[in-house]
Amino acid sequence: MTALLAPESPLTRRERLRLPLLTVGGLGAATLALYLRDPHQRGSWGVCPLSLAGIYCPGCGGLRAVNDLTHGEVGSAASSNLLVTVGIPVAVVLLALWILRAWRGTPPRQLPAGVRRVLWWGAAAVTLAFFVVRNTPQGAWLAP
């Protein structure tokens, strides 16, 4: 005799919103911490090991950029880390779409595999180019 499995009941709105809201809450807490504790003070949030070697990784200056944005200083944020400064609005839109879909109970739309692959490789190429260029004399203006 085979055991019948009860059909899975759909998630409630509260259950659907749990992960997106926890994510936004965690990011909000981290942003508040960066607002309150200035990362412009050397060593206040630790030191990137690559920066000790004189190499700026794609994330170097990211904490300072977030701090600058929380104080409304977009130019200073872009000077600290242009990649993070441009990426934050994209992340905010994606998080808002995630919350909206969770609220409505609509499944996430899947882009075709080829498009997803191009987007991921494109993001990786931009990040790698940023990493390389900011460590050259011509790209010194991108260094934090």
N, C-alpha and C. Protein backbone atom coordinates (compact mmCIF):
# COMPACT_ATOMS: atom_id res chain seq x y z
N MET A 1 0.84 -1.15 0.00
CA MET A 1 0.00 0.00 0.00
C MET A 1 0.90 1.24 0.00
N THR A 2 0.58 2.17 -0.82
CA THR A 2 1.39 3.39 -0.91
C THR A 2 0.82 4.45 0.01
N ALA A 3 1.72 5.15 0.61
CA ALA A 3 1.29 6.23 1.50
C ALA A 3 0.95 7.45 0.65
N LEU A 4 -0.16 8.04 0.95
CA LEU A 4 -0.55 9.25 0.24
C LEU A 4 0.03 10.46 0.97
N LEU A 5 0.66 11.30 0.21
CA LEU A 5 1.21 12.52 0.78
C LEU A 5 0.17 13.62 0.66
N ALA A 6 0.02 14.35 1.74
CA ALA A 6 -0.91 15.47 1.70
C ALA A 6 -0.35 16.54 0.78
N PRO A 7 -1.18 17.14 -0.03
CA PRO A 7 -0.66 18.20 -0.90
C PRO A 7 -0.09 19.34 -0.05
N GLU A 8 0.99 19.87 -0.54
CA GLU A 8 1.65 20.94 0.20
C GLU A 8 0.76 22.18 0.20
N SER A 9 0.54 22.72 1.38
CA SER A 9 -0.31 23.91 1.46
C SER A 9 0.52 25.13 1.05
N PRO A 10 -0.12 26.07 0.39
CA PRO A 10 0.63 27.26 -0.03
C PRO A 10 1.10 28.05 1.19
N LEU A 11 2.23 28.71 1.00
CA LEU A 11 2.77 29.51 2.09
C LEU A 11 1.89 30.73 2.35
N THR A 12 1.82 31.11 3.59
CA THR A 12 1.08 32.33 3.93
C THR A 12 1.92 33.54 3.54
N ARG A 13 1.29 34.68 3.48
CA ARG A 13 2.02 35.91 3.14
C ARG A 13 3.16 36.14 4.14
N ARG A 14 2.87 35.89 5.40
CA ARG A 14 3.89 36.07 6.43
C ARG A 14 5.10 35.18 6.17
N GLU A 15 4.86 33.94 5.81
CA GLU A 15 5.95 33.01 5.52
C GLU A 15 6.73 33.43 4.27
N ARG A 16 6.00 33.92 3.26
CA ARG A 16 6.65 34.35 2.03
C ARG A 16 7.52 35.58 2.25
N LEU A 17 7.10 36.46 3.15
CA LEU A 17 7.83 37.71 3.38
C LEU A 17 8.99 37.56 4.36
N ARG A 18 9.04 36.45 5.08
CA ARG A 18 10.05 36.29 6.13
C ARG A 18 11.47 36.50 5.62
N LEU A 19 11.87 35.78 4.61
CA LEU A 19 13.26 35.87 4.13
C LEU A 19 13.58 37.23 3.51
N PRO A 20 12.73 37.77 2.62
CA PRO A 20 13.07 39.09 2.09
C PRO A 20 13.15 40.17 3.17
N LEU A 21 12.24 40.13 4.14
CA LEU A 21 12.26 41.15 5.19
C LEU A 21 13.44 40.97 6.14
N LEU A 22 13.82 39.72 6.42
CA LEU A 22 15.02 39.49 7.23
C LEU A 22 16.27 39.99 6.50
N THR A 23 16.31 39.78 5.20
CA THR A 23 17.43 40.25 4.40
C THR A 23 17.52 41.77 4.44
N VAL A 24 16.39 42.43 4.18
CA VAL A 24 16.36 43.90 4.21
C VAL A 24 16.69 44.41 5.62
N GLY A 25 16.18 43.75 6.64
CA GLY A 25 16.48 44.16 8.02
C GLY A 25 17.96 44.04 8.33
N GLY A 26 18.59 42.95 7.89
CA GLY A 26 20.03 42.78 8.10
C GLY A 26 20.84 43.83 7.36
N LEU A 27 20.46 44.10 6.12
CA LEU A 27 21.15 45.14 5.36
C LEU A 27 20.92 46.51 5.98
N GLY A 28 19.72 46.74 6.48
CA GLY A 28 19.42 48.01 7.15
C GLY A 28 20.25 48.18 8.42
N ALA A 29 20.38 47.10 9.19
CA ALA A 29 21.20 47.16 10.41
C ALA A 29 22.66 47.43 10.07
N ALA A 30 23.17 46.78 9.03
CA ALA A 30 24.55 47.00 8.62
C ALA A 30 24.74 48.44 8.14
N THR A 31 23.76 48.95 7.42
CA THR A 31 23.83 50.34 6.93
C THR A 31 23.80 51.32 8.10
N LEU A 32 22.95 51.05 9.08
CA LEU A 32 22.90 51.91 10.27
C LEU A 32 24.23 51.88 11.01
N ALA A 33 24.82 50.70 11.12
CA ALA A 33 26.12 50.59 11.79
C ALA A 33 27.18 51.40 11.04
N LEU A 34 27.11 51.37 9.71
CA LEU A 34 28.07 52.15 8.92
C LEU A 34 27.80 53.64 9.02
N TYR A 35 26.56 54.00 9.24
CA TYR A 35 26.22 55.41 9.45
C TYR A 35 26.78 55.90 10.78
N LEU A 36 26.67 55.05 11.80
CA LEU A 36 27.07 55.45 13.15
C LEU A 36 28.57 55.35 13.40
N ARG A 37 29.23 54.37 12.79
CA ARG A 37 30.67 54.19 13.01
C ARG A 37 31.39 54.45 11.70
N ASP A 38 32.09 55.53 11.65
CA ASP A 38 32.71 56.04 10.42
C ASP A 38 33.85 55.14 9.95
N PRO A 39 33.70 54.52 8.77
CA PRO A 39 34.77 53.68 8.25
C PRO A 39 35.93 54.49 7.64
N HIS A 40 35.80 55.82 7.60
CA HIS A 40 36.90 56.64 7.10
C HIS A 40 38.06 56.66 8.09
N GLN A 41 37.80 56.30 9.34
CA GLN A 41 38.86 56.20 10.35
C GLN A 41 39.61 54.89 10.09
N ARG A 42 40.86 54.97 9.76
CA ARG A 42 41.64 53.78 9.39
C ARG A 42 41.56 52.72 10.49
N GLY A 43 41.19 51.51 10.08
CA GLY A 43 41.14 50.38 11.00
C GLY A 43 39.86 50.28 11.81
N SER A 44 38.93 51.22 11.66
CA SER A 44 37.71 51.19 12.48
C SER A 44 36.85 49.97 12.16
N TRP A 45 36.95 49.44 10.97
CA TRP A 45 36.21 48.24 10.58
C TRP A 45 37.17 47.14 10.14
N GLY A 46 38.39 47.23 10.57
CA GLY A 46 39.39 46.26 10.15
C GLY A 46 40.12 46.77 8.92
N VAL A 47 41.01 45.97 8.41
CA VAL A 47 41.81 46.36 7.25
C VAL A 47 41.76 45.24 6.23
N CYS A 48 41.56 45.60 4.99
CA CYS A 48 41.58 44.61 3.90
C CYS A 48 43.02 44.12 3.72
N PRO A 49 43.26 42.82 3.75
CA PRO A 49 44.62 42.32 3.60
C PRO A 49 45.26 42.71 2.27
N LEU A 50 44.46 42.81 1.21
CA LEU A 50 45.03 43.20 -0.08
C LEU A 50 45.50 44.65 -0.05
N SER A 51 44.78 45.51 0.67
CA SER A 51 45.19 46.92 0.71
C SER A 51 46.52 47.08 1.44
N LEU A 52 46.82 46.17 2.36
CA LEU A 52 48.12 46.21 3.03
C LEU A 52 49.25 45.97 2.04
N ALA A 53 48.93 45.23 0.97
CA ALA A 53 49.92 44.95 -0.07
C ALA A 53 49.88 46.01 -1.17
N GLY A 54 49.01 47.02 -1.01
CA GLY A 54 48.92 48.08 -2.01
C GLY A 54 48.02 47.74 -3.18
N ILE A 55 47.18 46.73 -3.00
CA ILE A 55 46.24 46.31 -4.06
C ILE A 55 44.83 46.63 -3.58
N TYR A 56 44.05 47.28 -4.44
CA TYR A 56 42.67 47.61 -4.10
C TYR A 56 41.72 46.61 -4.75
N CYS A 57 41.05 45.81 -3.92
CA CYS A 57 40.09 44.84 -4.43
C CYS A 57 38.82 45.59 -4.87
N PRO A 58 37.90 44.92 -5.57
CA PRO A 58 36.67 45.61 -6.00
C PRO A 58 35.84 46.12 -4.83
N GLY A 59 36.01 45.56 -3.64
CA GLY A 59 35.22 46.01 -2.49
C GLY A 59 35.89 47.09 -1.67
N CYS A 60 37.18 47.33 -1.88
CA CYS A 60 37.88 48.35 -1.10
C CYS A 60 37.20 49.70 -1.28
N GLY A 61 36.88 50.33 -0.18
CA GLY A 61 36.20 51.61 -0.20
C GLY A 61 34.69 51.46 -0.17
N GLY A 62 34.19 50.23 -0.21
CA GLY A 62 32.75 50.01 -0.22
C GLY A 62 32.08 50.45 1.07
N LEU A 63 32.70 50.19 2.20
CA LEU A 63 32.12 50.63 3.48
C LEU A 63 32.08 52.14 3.56
N ARG A 64 33.15 52.79 3.08
CA ARG A 64 33.17 54.26 3.07
C ARG A 64 32.10 54.80 2.13
N ALA A 65 31.89 54.11 0.99
CA ALA A 65 30.86 54.55 0.04
C ALA A 65 29.48 54.49 0.67
N VAL A 66 29.19 53.40 1.40
CA VAL A 66 27.89 53.29 2.06
C VAL A 66 27.74 54.38 3.12
N ASN A 67 28.80 54.60 3.89
CA ASN A 67 28.76 55.66 4.90
C ASN A 67 28.50 57.02 4.25
N ASP A 68 29.19 57.30 3.16
CA ASP A 68 28.99 58.57 2.46
C ASP A 68 27.56 58.69 1.94
N LEU A 69 27.01 57.61 1.40
CA LEU A 69 25.63 57.65 0.90
C LEU A 69 24.64 57.90 2.02
N THR A 70 24.89 57.34 3.20
CA THR A 70 23.97 57.56 4.32
C THR A 70 24.00 59.01 4.79
N HIS A 71 25.05 59.71 4.43
CA HIS A 71 25.15 61.13 4.76
C HIS A 71 24.81 62.01 3.57
N GLY A 72 24.32 61.42 2.49
CA GLY A 72 23.90 62.18 1.31
C GLY A 72 25.03 62.69 0.45
N GLU A 73 26.21 62.13 0.59
CA GLU A 73 27.38 62.58 -0.16
C GLU A 73 27.67 61.62 -1.31
N VAL A 74 26.92 61.78 -2.39
CA VAL A 74 27.03 60.86 -3.53
C VAL A 74 28.40 60.97 -4.20
N GLY A 75 28.90 62.18 -4.37
CA GLY A 75 30.22 62.35 -4.99
C GLY A 75 31.32 61.68 -4.19
N SER A 76 31.28 61.84 -2.89
CA SER A 76 32.29 61.19 -2.03
C SER A 76 32.14 59.67 -2.10
N ALA A 77 30.90 59.19 -2.15
CA ALA A 77 30.67 57.74 -2.25
C ALA A 77 31.26 57.20 -3.54
N ALA A 78 31.01 57.92 -4.65
CA ALA A 78 31.55 57.48 -5.95
C ALA A 78 33.08 57.51 -5.92
N SER A 79 33.64 58.45 -5.21
CA SER A 79 35.10 58.53 -5.10
C SER A 79 35.66 57.37 -4.26
N SER A 80 34.89 56.92 -3.28
CA SER A 80 35.34 55.81 -2.43
C SER A 80 35.26 54.48 -3.17
N ASN A 81 34.13 54.23 -3.83
CA ASN A 81 33.97 52.99 -4.61
C ASN A 81 32.82 53.18 -5.60
N LEU A 82 33.18 53.44 -6.84
CA LEU A 82 32.20 53.70 -7.88
C LEU A 82 31.32 52.47 -8.13
N LEU A 83 31.89 51.29 -8.08
CA LEU A 83 31.14 50.07 -8.34
C LEU A 83 30.04 49.86 -7.30
N VAL A 84 30.35 50.06 -6.04
CA VAL A 84 29.35 49.92 -4.97
C VAL A 84 28.29 51.01 -5.10
N THR A 85 28.72 52.22 -5.39
CA THR A 85 27.79 53.34 -5.50
C THR A 85 26.78 53.11 -6.62
N VAL A 86 27.21 52.57 -7.73
CA VAL A 86 26.31 52.27 -8.84
C VAL A 86 25.48 51.01 -8.53
N GLY A 87 26.07 50.07 -7.81
CA GLY A 87 25.39 48.81 -7.53
C GLY A 87 24.27 48.91 -6.50
N ILE A 88 24.35 49.86 -5.60
CA ILE A 88 23.35 49.96 -4.53
C ILE A 88 21.95 50.23 -5.08
N PRO A 89 21.75 51.18 -6.00
CA PRO A 89 20.40 51.36 -6.53
C PRO A 89 19.87 50.11 -7.23
N VAL A 90 20.74 49.39 -7.92
CA VAL A 90 20.33 48.15 -8.57
C VAL A 90 19.87 47.14 -7.51
N ALA A 91 20.63 47.01 -6.45
CA ALA A 91 20.27 46.09 -5.36
C ALA A 91 18.96 46.49 -4.70
N VAL A 92 18.74 47.79 -4.51
CA VAL A 92 17.49 48.26 -3.89
C VAL A 92 16.29 47.89 -4.77
N VAL A 93 16.41 48.08 -6.07
CA VAL A 93 15.32 47.72 -6.98
C VAL A 93 15.06 46.22 -6.94
N LEU A 94 16.11 45.42 -6.97
CA LEU A 94 15.93 43.96 -6.92
C LEU A 94 15.31 43.51 -5.60
N LEU A 95 15.71 44.11 -4.50
CA LEU A 95 15.10 43.78 -3.21
C LEU A 95 13.63 44.18 -3.17
N ALA A 96 13.30 45.34 -3.72
CA ALA A 96 11.91 45.79 -3.77
C ALA A 96 11.06 44.83 -4.61
N LEU A 97 11.60 44.38 -5.72
CA LEU A 97 10.86 43.41 -6.56
C LEU A 97 10.67 42.10 -5.82
N TRP A 98 11.67 41.67 -5.08
CA TRP A 98 11.56 40.43 -4.30
C TRP A 98 10.45 40.55 -3.26
N ILE A 99 10.41 41.69 -2.55
CA ILE A 99 9.37 41.89 -1.54
C ILE A 99 7.99 41.96 -2.20
N LEU A 100 7.89 42.65 -3.32
CA LEU A 100 6.61 42.77 -4.02
C LEU A 100 6.10 41.40 -4.46
N ARG A 101 6.98 40.59 -5.01
CA ARG A 101 6.57 39.24 -5.43
C ARG A 101 6.17 38.38 -4.22
N ALA A 102 6.91 38.50 -3.13
CA ALA A 102 6.56 37.75 -1.93
C ALA A 102 5.20 38.21 -1.40
N TRP A 103 4.94 39.51 -1.42
CA TRP A 103 3.66 40.05 -0.96
C TRP A 103 2.51 39.51 -1.81
N ARG A 104 2.71 39.53 -3.11
CA ARG A 104 1.65 39.08 -4.02
C ARG A 104 1.54 37.56 -4.11
N GLY A 105 2.60 36.88 -3.75
CA GLY A 105 2.60 35.42 -3.86
C GLY A 105 2.87 34.93 -5.26
N THR A 106 3.49 35.77 -6.07
CA THR A 106 3.82 35.35 -7.43
C THR A 106 5.22 34.76 -7.45
N PRO A 107 5.39 33.69 -8.19
CA PRO A 107 6.72 33.07 -8.24
C PRO A 107 7.70 33.99 -8.97
N PRO A 108 8.97 33.89 -8.62
CA PRO A 108 9.95 34.73 -9.32
C PRO A 108 10.02 34.35 -10.79
N ARG A 109 10.16 35.35 -11.62
CA ARG A 109 10.32 35.09 -13.05
C ARG A 109 11.75 34.64 -13.31
N GLN A 110 11.86 33.65 -14.11
CA GLN A 110 13.19 33.16 -14.47
C GLN A 110 13.54 33.69 -15.86
N LEU A 111 14.65 34.36 -15.93
CA LEU A 111 15.15 34.75 -17.24
C LEU A 111 15.65 33.50 -17.94
N PRO A 112 15.64 33.50 -19.25
CA PRO A 112 16.21 32.35 -19.96
C PRO A 112 17.66 32.12 -19.53
N ALA A 113 18.06 30.87 -19.53
CA ALA A 113 19.39 30.49 -19.04
C ALA A 113 20.49 31.27 -19.75
N GLY A 114 20.35 31.47 -21.04
CA GLY A 114 21.36 32.20 -21.80
C GLY A 114 21.48 33.64 -21.33
N VAL A 115 20.36 34.27 -21.04
CA VAL A 115 20.36 35.67 -20.57
C VAL A 115 20.99 35.74 -19.18
N ARG A 116 20.62 34.80 -18.31
CA ARG A 116 21.21 34.77 -16.96
C ARG A 116 22.72 34.61 -17.04
N ARG A 117 23.16 33.72 -17.91
CA ARG A 117 24.59 33.47 -18.06
C ARG A 117 25.31 34.74 -18.55
N VAL A 118 24.72 35.43 -19.51
CA VAL A 118 25.32 36.67 -20.02
C VAL A 118 25.37 37.73 -18.92
N LEU A 119 24.30 37.85 -18.13
CA LEU A 119 24.29 38.83 -17.04
C LEU A 119 25.35 38.53 -16.00
N TRP A 120 25.46 37.25 -15.61
CA TRP A 120 26.47 36.88 -14.60
C TRP A 120 27.88 37.11 -15.14
N TRP A 121 28.16 36.68 -16.36
CA TRP A 121 29.48 36.87 -16.93
C TRP A 121 29.76 38.35 -17.16
N GLY A 122 28.73 39.11 -17.53
CA GLY A 122 28.90 40.56 -17.70
C GLY A 122 29.26 41.23 -16.38
N ALA A 123 28.54 40.85 -15.31
CA ALA A 123 28.83 41.42 -13.98
C ALA A 123 30.25 41.03 -13.54
N ALA A 124 30.64 39.79 -13.80
CA ALA A 124 31.98 39.34 -13.44
C ALA A 124 33.04 40.11 -14.24
N ALA A 125 32.78 40.35 -15.52
CA ALA A 125 33.73 41.08 -16.37
C ALA A 125 33.86 42.53 -15.91
N VAL A 126 32.74 43.18 -15.58
CA VAL A 126 32.79 44.57 -15.10
C VAL A 126 33.57 44.63 -13.78
N THR A 127 33.31 43.69 -12.88
CA THR A 127 34.00 43.67 -11.59
C THR A 127 35.50 43.44 -11.78
N LEU A 128 35.85 42.50 -12.65
CA LEU A 128 37.26 42.23 -12.92
C LEU A 128 37.94 43.45 -13.56
N ALA A 129 37.26 44.07 -14.52
CA ALA A 129 37.83 45.26 -15.17
C ALA A 129 38.03 46.38 -14.14
N PHE A 130 37.04 46.56 -13.27
CA PHE A 130 37.14 47.58 -12.22
C PHE A 130 38.35 47.28 -11.33
N PHE A 131 38.52 46.02 -10.95
CA PHE A 131 39.63 45.59 -10.11
C PHE A 131 40.97 45.90 -10.78
N VAL A 132 41.09 45.55 -12.05
CA VAL A 132 42.35 45.74 -12.75
C VAL A 132 42.63 47.23 -12.97
N VAL A 133 41.63 47.95 -13.48
CA VAL A 133 41.84 49.36 -13.84
C VAL A 133 42.15 50.21 -12.62
N ARG A 134 41.49 49.96 -11.49
CA ARG A 134 41.74 50.81 -10.32
C ARG A 134 43.12 50.59 -9.72
N ASN A 135 43.82 49.55 -10.17
CA ASN A 135 45.16 49.27 -9.69
C ASN A 135 46.24 49.66 -10.70
N THR A 136 45.86 50.43 -11.72
CA THR A 136 46.82 50.92 -12.71
C THR A 136 46.98 52.43 -12.53
N PRO A 137 48.08 52.99 -13.00
CA PRO A 137 48.25 54.44 -12.90
C PRO A 137 47.12 55.22 -13.61
N GLN A 138 46.65 54.71 -14.75
CA GLN A 138 45.58 55.40 -15.47
C GLN A 138 44.25 55.35 -14.72
N GLY A 139 44.05 54.34 -13.92
CA GLY A 139 42.80 54.19 -13.19
C GLY A 139 42.91 54.59 -11.73
N ALA A 140 43.97 55.29 -11.38
CA ALA A 140 44.19 55.67 -9.98
C ALA A 140 43.03 56.48 -9.42
N TRP A 141 42.29 57.16 -10.30
CA TRP A 141 41.14 57.96 -9.84
C TRP A 141 40.02 57.06 -9.31
N LEU A 142 40.07 55.75 -9.62
CA LEU A 142 39.07 54.80 -9.10
C LEU A 142 39.46 54.20 -7.75
N ALA A 143 40.71 54.42 -7.34
CA ALA A 143 41.18 53.87 -6.06
C ALA A 143 40.52 54.64 -4.91
N PRO A 144 40.27 53.94 -3.80
CA PRO A 144 39.62 54.61 -2.66
C PRO A 144 40.52 55.66 -2.01
